[in-house]
Amino acid sequence: MKLLGNSIISTFSETWKVANIDFEENQNAHLNILLKKNGEFIEQVDSIEKKVESFSKRFDTIICVNDNLKTGSIKSQDIFSQYKLIEEEQTFPALLSKPKAPRIFLI
């Protein structure tokens, strides 16, 4: 986990229960759900939803943080692979969490 995500979890876990869904464990989170680095996100959705459901039925806020956002030129040869990363790391988690919280923040 990178600096921004770690800071957010550290801050909020002092007052609220915090679940971390990431490729790396965070010791300050009350629950860590580790994603498979070589797997498709869509294939992991059912497992993630079950773990999240068992942690809490309702969330006040969900914050999706992408510390690895790599941007480049729109002219870049790998612009579509960059978009795919953004989609997997930012959009899918937000969509997955949509019915579970009234507020979702993408950072």
N, C-alpha and C. Protein backbone atom coordinates (compact mmCIF):
# COMPACT_ATOMS: atom_id res chain seq x y z
N MET A 1 0.84 -1.17 0.00
CA MET A 1 0.00 0.00 0.00
C MET A 1 0.89 1.23 0.00
N LYS A 2 0.47 2.19 -0.72
CA LYS A 2 1.25 3.41 -0.84
C LYS A 2 0.90 4.41 0.25
N LEU A 3 1.56 5.52 0.22
CA LEU A 3 1.46 6.53 1.27
C LEU A 3 0.05 7.09 1.48
N LEU A 4 -0.63 7.48 0.41
CA LEU A 4 -1.95 8.08 0.55
C LEU A 4 -2.96 7.11 1.17
N GLY A 5 -3.05 5.92 0.63
CA GLY A 5 -3.98 4.92 1.16
C GLY A 5 -3.66 4.55 2.61
N ASN A 6 -2.38 4.41 2.91
CA ASN A 6 -1.95 4.08 4.27
C ASN A 6 -2.34 5.19 5.24
N SER A 7 -2.15 6.42 4.83
CA SER A 7 -2.50 7.57 5.69
C SER A 7 -4.00 7.63 5.95
N ILE A 8 -4.80 7.38 4.93
CA ILE A 8 -6.25 7.41 5.09
C ILE A 8 -6.70 6.32 6.04
N ILE A 9 -6.19 5.11 5.87
CA ILE A 9 -6.57 4.00 6.75
C ILE A 9 -6.13 4.27 8.18
N SER A 10 -4.92 4.74 8.35
CA SER A 10 -4.42 5.04 9.71
C SER A 10 -5.30 6.06 10.41
N THR A 11 -5.67 7.09 9.70
CA THR A 11 -6.48 8.16 10.28
C THR A 11 -7.88 7.67 10.65
N PHE A 12 -8.56 7.02 9.71
CA PHE A 12 -9.95 6.62 9.94
C PHE A 12 -10.07 5.43 10.88
N SER A 13 -9.08 4.56 10.94
CA SER A 13 -9.20 3.35 11.77
C SER A 13 -9.14 3.66 13.27
N GLU A 14 -8.75 4.88 13.62
CA GLU A 14 -8.74 5.27 15.03
C GLU A 14 -10.16 5.44 15.56
N THR A 15 -11.10 5.79 14.66
CA THR A 15 -12.47 6.08 15.08
C THR A 15 -13.49 5.09 14.51
N TRP A 16 -13.26 4.60 13.29
CA TRP A 16 -14.21 3.73 12.62
C TRP A 16 -13.58 2.39 12.25
N LYS A 17 -14.46 1.42 11.98
CA LYS A 17 -13.99 0.14 11.45
C LYS A 17 -13.62 0.34 9.99
N VAL A 18 -12.45 -0.11 9.61
CA VAL A 18 -11.94 0.13 8.25
C VAL A 18 -11.61 -1.21 7.59
N ALA A 19 -12.13 -1.39 6.39
CA ALA A 19 -11.78 -2.55 5.56
C ALA A 19 -10.84 -2.08 4.46
N ASN A 20 -9.81 -2.85 4.21
CA ASN A 20 -8.83 -2.55 3.18
C ASN A 20 -8.93 -3.61 2.09
N ILE A 21 -9.24 -3.20 0.87
CA ILE A 21 -9.25 -4.10 -0.28
C ILE A 21 -8.12 -3.65 -1.18
N ASP A 22 -7.07 -4.45 -1.22
CA ASP A 22 -5.86 -4.02 -1.91
C ASP A 22 -5.01 -5.23 -2.27
N PHE A 23 -3.89 -4.97 -2.91
CA PHE A 23 -2.93 -6.02 -3.23
C PHE A 23 -1.99 -6.27 -2.06
N GLU A 24 -1.96 -5.34 -1.11
CA GLU A 24 -1.08 -5.45 0.05
C GLU A 24 -1.88 -5.26 1.34
N GLU A 25 -1.45 -5.95 2.38
CA GLU A 25 -2.10 -5.85 3.68
C GLU A 25 -1.75 -4.51 4.34
N ASN A 26 -2.70 -4.01 5.11
CA ASN A 26 -2.47 -2.80 5.90
C ASN A 26 -2.73 -3.15 7.36
N GLN A 27 -1.73 -3.02 8.20
CA GLN A 27 -1.84 -3.41 9.60
C GLN A 27 -2.83 -2.57 10.39
N ASN A 28 -3.16 -1.39 9.91
CA ASN A 28 -4.10 -0.53 10.63
C ASN A 28 -5.56 -0.83 10.29
N ALA A 29 -5.80 -1.60 9.26
CA ALA A 29 -7.17 -1.94 8.86
C ALA A 29 -7.71 -3.04 9.77
N HIS A 30 -9.01 -3.01 9.98
CA HIS A 30 -9.67 -4.04 10.79
C HIS A 30 -9.91 -5.30 9.96
N LEU A 31 -9.96 -5.15 8.64
CA LEU A 31 -10.12 -6.27 7.72
C LEU A 31 -9.27 -6.00 6.49
N ASN A 32 -8.53 -7.00 6.07
CA ASN A 32 -7.75 -6.92 4.83
C ASN A 32 -8.27 -7.96 3.86
N ILE A 33 -8.68 -7.52 2.69
CA ILE A 33 -9.06 -8.43 1.62
C ILE A 33 -8.02 -8.24 0.53
N LEU A 34 -7.21 -9.26 0.33
CA LEU A 34 -6.12 -9.15 -0.62
C LEU A 34 -6.55 -9.61 -2.01
N LEU A 35 -6.31 -8.75 -2.99
CA LEU A 35 -6.62 -9.06 -4.37
C LEU A 35 -5.50 -9.88 -4.98
N LYS A 36 -5.86 -10.72 -5.92
CA LYS A 36 -4.86 -11.50 -6.65
C LYS A 36 -4.26 -10.63 -7.73
N LYS A 37 -2.95 -10.53 -7.74
CA LYS A 37 -2.28 -9.66 -8.72
C LYS A 37 -2.41 -10.17 -10.14
N ASN A 38 -2.49 -11.47 -10.30
CA ASN A 38 -2.54 -12.03 -11.65
C ASN A 38 -3.94 -12.44 -12.07
N GLY A 39 -4.93 -12.08 -11.28
CA GLY A 39 -6.30 -12.47 -11.59
C GLY A 39 -7.10 -11.31 -12.14
N GLU A 40 -8.16 -11.65 -12.83
CA GLU A 40 -9.08 -10.63 -13.31
C GLU A 40 -9.93 -10.17 -12.14
N PHE A 41 -10.15 -8.88 -12.04
CA PHE A 41 -10.93 -8.33 -10.94
C PHE A 41 -12.33 -8.91 -10.92
N ILE A 42 -12.94 -9.03 -12.09
CA ILE A 42 -14.32 -9.52 -12.20
C ILE A 42 -14.44 -10.91 -11.58
N GLU A 43 -13.42 -11.74 -11.72
CA GLU A 43 -13.45 -13.09 -11.18
C GLU A 43 -13.38 -13.08 -9.65
N GLN A 44 -12.94 -11.99 -9.05
CA GLN A 44 -12.79 -11.90 -7.61
C GLN A 44 -13.98 -11.25 -6.91
N VAL A 45 -14.91 -10.73 -7.68
CA VAL A 45 -16.02 -9.94 -7.13
C VAL A 45 -16.83 -10.73 -6.10
N ASP A 46 -17.24 -11.95 -6.41
CA ASP A 46 -18.07 -12.73 -5.47
C ASP A 46 -17.37 -12.94 -4.14
N SER A 47 -16.10 -13.30 -4.20
CA SER A 47 -15.33 -13.53 -2.98
C SER A 47 -15.21 -12.24 -2.16
N ILE A 48 -14.94 -11.14 -2.83
CA ILE A 48 -14.81 -9.84 -2.15
C ILE A 48 -16.14 -9.46 -1.49
N GLU A 49 -17.24 -9.60 -2.23
CA GLU A 49 -18.54 -9.23 -1.68
C GLU A 49 -18.89 -10.05 -0.44
N LYS A 50 -18.59 -11.34 -0.43
CA LYS A 50 -18.88 -12.18 0.73
C LYS A 50 -18.06 -11.74 1.94
N LYS A 51 -16.80 -11.42 1.72
CA LYS A 51 -15.94 -10.99 2.83
C LYS A 51 -16.39 -9.64 3.38
N VAL A 52 -16.76 -8.74 2.48
CA VAL A 52 -17.23 -7.41 2.89
C VAL A 52 -18.55 -7.54 3.66
N GLU A 53 -19.48 -8.37 3.15
CA GLU A 53 -20.77 -8.60 3.82
C GLU A 53 -20.58 -9.12 5.23
N SER A 54 -19.62 -10.04 5.41
CA SER A 54 -19.41 -10.59 6.74
C SER A 54 -18.77 -9.57 7.69
N PHE A 55 -18.10 -8.58 7.13
CA PHE A 55 -17.47 -7.53 7.93
C PHE A 55 -18.52 -6.52 8.40
N SER A 56 -19.38 -6.10 7.49
CA SER A 56 -20.42 -5.13 7.83
C SER A 56 -21.50 -5.14 6.75
N LYS A 57 -22.73 -4.97 7.16
CA LYS A 57 -23.85 -4.92 6.21
C LYS A 57 -24.02 -3.52 5.62
N ARG A 58 -23.49 -2.51 6.32
CA ARG A 58 -23.69 -1.12 5.89
C ARG A 58 -22.41 -0.33 6.12
N PHE A 59 -22.13 0.57 5.20
CA PHE A 59 -20.98 1.46 5.32
C PHE A 59 -21.46 2.90 5.19
N ASP A 60 -20.89 3.79 5.98
CA ASP A 60 -21.24 5.21 5.88
C ASP A 60 -20.59 5.84 4.66
N THR A 61 -19.34 5.50 4.43
CA THR A 61 -18.58 6.09 3.32
C THR A 61 -17.57 5.07 2.81
N ILE A 62 -17.36 5.09 1.51
CA ILE A 62 -16.31 4.26 0.90
C ILE A 62 -15.38 5.18 0.13
N ILE A 63 -14.09 5.02 0.37
CA ILE A 63 -13.09 5.85 -0.30
C ILE A 63 -12.22 4.93 -1.15
N CYS A 64 -12.17 5.19 -2.44
CA CYS A 64 -11.33 4.42 -3.36
C CYS A 64 -10.11 5.27 -3.69
N VAL A 65 -8.94 4.76 -3.32
CA VAL A 65 -7.70 5.50 -3.51
C VAL A 65 -6.83 4.77 -4.51
N ASN A 66 -6.25 5.50 -5.43
CA ASN A 66 -5.32 4.90 -6.38
C ASN A 66 -3.99 5.62 -6.26
N ASP A 67 -3.08 5.02 -5.51
CA ASP A 67 -1.75 5.61 -5.35
C ASP A 67 -0.83 5.31 -6.52
N ASN A 68 -1.23 4.38 -7.37
CA ASN A 68 -0.36 3.96 -8.47
C ASN A 68 -0.76 4.55 -9.80
N LEU A 69 -1.58 5.58 -9.79
CA LEU A 69 -2.07 6.13 -11.04
C LEU A 69 -0.90 6.65 -11.88
N LYS A 70 -0.77 6.04 -13.03
CA LYS A 70 0.29 6.44 -13.95
C LYS A 70 -0.38 7.12 -15.13
N THR A 71 -0.11 8.37 -15.29
CA THR A 71 -0.68 9.07 -16.42
C THR A 71 0.42 9.37 -17.41
N GLY A 72 0.01 9.57 -18.59
CA GLY A 72 0.97 9.88 -19.64
C GLY A 72 0.27 10.65 -20.73
N SER A 73 0.90 10.70 -21.84
CA SER A 73 0.36 11.42 -22.97
C SER A 73 -0.75 10.62 -23.64
N ILE A 74 -1.77 11.30 -24.12
CA ILE A 74 -2.84 10.65 -24.86
C ILE A 74 -2.29 10.03 -26.14
N LYS A 75 -1.13 10.50 -26.57
CA LYS A 75 -0.48 9.98 -27.78
C LYS A 75 0.33 8.72 -27.51
N SER A 76 0.46 8.36 -26.26
CA SER A 76 1.27 7.21 -25.88
C SER A 76 0.74 5.92 -26.51
N GLN A 77 1.64 5.03 -26.86
CA GLN A 77 1.27 3.74 -27.44
C GLN A 77 0.50 2.88 -26.46
N ASP A 78 0.74 3.05 -25.18
CA ASP A 78 0.09 2.19 -24.18
C ASP A 78 -1.08 2.88 -23.47
N ILE A 79 -1.70 3.86 -24.11
CA ILE A 79 -2.79 4.60 -23.49
C ILE A 79 -3.95 3.67 -23.10
N PHE A 80 -4.22 2.64 -23.90
CA PHE A 80 -5.34 1.75 -23.59
C PHE A 80 -5.02 0.82 -22.42
N SER A 81 -3.77 0.41 -22.30
CA SER A 81 -3.41 -0.41 -21.14
C SER A 81 -3.43 0.46 -19.87
N GLN A 82 -3.07 1.73 -19.99
CA GLN A 82 -3.16 2.65 -18.85
C GLN A 82 -4.62 2.82 -18.44
N TYR A 83 -5.49 2.96 -19.42
CA TYR A 83 -6.91 3.09 -19.12
C TYR A 83 -7.43 1.82 -18.44
N LYS A 84 -7.01 0.67 -18.92
CA LYS A 84 -7.46 -0.59 -18.32
C LYS A 84 -7.04 -0.65 -16.84
N LEU A 85 -5.84 -0.20 -16.52
CA LEU A 85 -5.39 -0.16 -15.13
C LEU A 85 -6.27 0.76 -14.29
N ILE A 86 -6.56 1.94 -14.82
CA ILE A 86 -7.43 2.88 -14.11
C ILE A 86 -8.80 2.25 -13.87
N GLU A 87 -9.31 1.61 -14.90
CA GLU A 87 -10.62 0.97 -14.79
C GLU A 87 -10.61 -0.10 -13.70
N GLU A 88 -9.60 -0.95 -13.70
CA GLU A 88 -9.53 -2.03 -12.72
C GLU A 88 -9.28 -1.53 -11.30
N GLU A 89 -8.39 -0.55 -11.16
CA GLU A 89 -7.99 -0.12 -9.83
C GLU A 89 -8.90 0.94 -9.24
N GLN A 90 -9.68 1.62 -10.05
CA GLN A 90 -10.48 2.74 -9.56
C GLN A 90 -11.98 2.51 -9.79
N THR A 91 -12.35 2.21 -11.01
CA THR A 91 -13.77 2.12 -11.35
C THR A 91 -14.43 0.87 -10.81
N PHE A 92 -13.82 -0.30 -10.99
CA PHE A 92 -14.43 -1.54 -10.51
C PHE A 92 -14.68 -1.52 -9.00
N PRO A 93 -13.71 -1.11 -8.18
CA PRO A 93 -13.99 -1.07 -6.74
C PRO A 93 -15.13 -0.12 -6.38
N ALA A 94 -15.21 1.00 -7.08
CA ALA A 94 -16.30 1.95 -6.81
C ALA A 94 -17.65 1.34 -7.18
N LEU A 95 -17.71 0.65 -8.32
CA LEU A 95 -18.96 0.01 -8.72
C LEU A 95 -19.34 -1.11 -7.77
N LEU A 96 -18.37 -1.85 -7.32
CA LEU A 96 -18.61 -2.94 -6.38
C LEU A 96 -19.19 -2.40 -5.07
N SER A 97 -18.74 -1.25 -4.65
CA SER A 97 -19.15 -0.71 -3.36
C SER A 97 -20.42 0.14 -3.44
N LYS A 98 -20.88 0.47 -4.63
CA LYS A 98 -22.00 1.38 -4.81
C LYS A 98 -23.22 1.07 -3.94
N PRO A 99 -23.73 -0.14 -3.92
CA PRO A 99 -24.94 -0.36 -3.12
C PRO A 99 -24.70 -0.40 -1.61
N LYS A 100 -23.47 -0.35 -1.18
CA LYS A 100 -23.14 -0.55 0.23
C LYS A 100 -22.97 0.75 1.02
N ALA A 101 -22.89 1.89 0.35
CA ALA A 101 -22.67 3.14 1.07
C ALA A 101 -23.36 4.30 0.36
N PRO A 102 -23.82 5.28 1.13
CA PRO A 102 -24.45 6.45 0.51
C PRO A 102 -23.46 7.40 -0.15
N ARG A 103 -22.17 7.33 0.28
CA ARG A 103 -21.15 8.23 -0.29
C ARG A 103 -19.94 7.40 -0.72
N ILE A 104 -19.49 7.65 -1.93
CA ILE A 104 -18.29 6.99 -2.44
C ILE A 104 -17.38 8.08 -3.00
N PHE A 105 -16.12 8.08 -2.56
CA PHE A 105 -15.15 9.07 -3.03
C PHE A 105 -14.05 8.37 -3.80
N LEU A 106 -13.75 8.86 -4.99
CA LEU A 106 -12.64 8.37 -5.78
C LEU A 106 -11.49 9.36 -5.65
N ILE A 107 -10.38 8.90 -5.13
CA ILE A 107 -9.23 9.77 -4.92
C ILE A 107 -8.07 9.25 -5.71
